[in-house]
């Protein structure tokens, strides 16, 4: 079990290797487009989670009034 955890540890050399492989696979022009898509996806996810929290907060405030 400990060997599995140690083998999954990602250090700086592994991150650099992953970045180089991604650069080779997608090319320099596609990476900014991919990052924009990832950023917009994260933004939509955050907005969706905020919308889900809003009704819960309203319900908590209504319960406090009672």
Protein backbone atom coordinates (compact mmCIF):
# COMPACT_ATOMS: atom_id res chain seq x y z
CA UNK A 1 0.00 0.00 0.00
CA UNK A 2 2.79 2.41 0.90
CA UNK A 3 4.59 1.65 -2.36
CA UNK A 4 1.44 2.59 -4.28
CA UNK A 5 1.18 5.94 -2.52
CA UNK A 6 4.85 6.70 -3.08
CA UNK A 7 4.64 5.75 -6.76
CA UNK A 8 1.67 8.10 -7.26
CA UNK A 9 3.49 11.11 -5.81
CA UNK A 10 3.95 13.73 -8.52
CA UNK A 11 7.02 15.92 -8.35
CA UNK A 12 8.43 18.69 -10.50
CA UNK A 13 10.07 16.37 -13.09
CA UNK A 14 6.79 14.52 -13.64
CA UNK A 15 4.85 17.77 -14.05
CA UNK A 16 7.38 19.03 -16.59
CA UNK A 17 7.17 15.74 -18.49
CA UNK A 18 3.37 15.93 -18.55
CA UNK A 19 3.51 19.53 -19.80
CA UNK A 20 5.92 18.59 -22.60
CA UNK A 21 3.72 15.66 -23.67
CA UNK A 22 0.63 17.90 -23.73
CA UNK A 23 2.52 20.50 -25.76
CA UNK A 24 3.60 17.85 -28.26
CA UNK A 25 0.11 16.35 -28.53
CA UNK A 26 -1.91 19.54 -28.88
CA UNK A 27 0.60 22.08 -30.18
CA UNK A 28 1.17 25.63 -29.01
CA UNK A 29 -1.88 27.09 -30.72
CA UNK A 30 -4.45 24.74 -29.22
CA UNK A 31 -3.37 25.03 -25.58
CA UNK A 32 -4.78 28.56 -25.00
CA UNK A 33 -8.11 27.43 -26.47
CA UNK A 34 -8.13 24.38 -24.20
CA UNK A 35 -7.38 26.52 -21.15
CA UNK A 36 -10.15 28.99 -22.04
CA UNK A 37 -12.58 26.11 -22.31
CA UNK A 38 -11.42 24.71 -18.99
CA UNK A 39 -11.73 28.13 -17.35
CA UNK A 40 -15.24 28.70 -18.64
CA UNK A 41 -16.23 25.22 -17.46
CA UNK A 42 -14.92 25.94 -13.98
CA UNK A 43 -16.74 29.28 -13.94
CA UNK A 44 -20.02 27.62 -14.93
CA UNK A 45 -19.53 24.99 -12.22
CA UNK A 46 -18.94 27.67 -9.57
CA UNK A 47 -22.02 29.60 -10.72
CA UNK A 48 -24.12 26.43 -10.57
CA UNK A 49 -22.95 25.64 -7.05
CA UNK A 50 -23.71 29.21 -5.94
CA UNK A 51 -27.23 28.90 -7.37
CA UNK A 52 -27.72 25.66 -5.45
CA UNK A 53 -26.58 27.31 -2.20
CA UNK A 54 -28.95 30.28 -2.55
CA UNK A 55 -32.20 28.36 -1.81
CA UNK A 56 -30.57 26.66 1.16
CA UNK A 57 -29.55 30.02 2.63
CA UNK A 58 -33.04 31.39 2.11
CA UNK A 59 -34.51 28.38 3.88
CA UNK A 60 -32.14 28.84 6.81
CA UNK A 61 -33.16 32.50 7.14
CA UNK A 62 -36.85 31.54 7.09
CA UNK A 63 -36.27 28.98 9.84
CA UNK A 64 -34.50 31.58 11.98
CA UNK A 65 -37.53 33.88 11.70
CA UNK A 66 -39.80 31.15 13.06
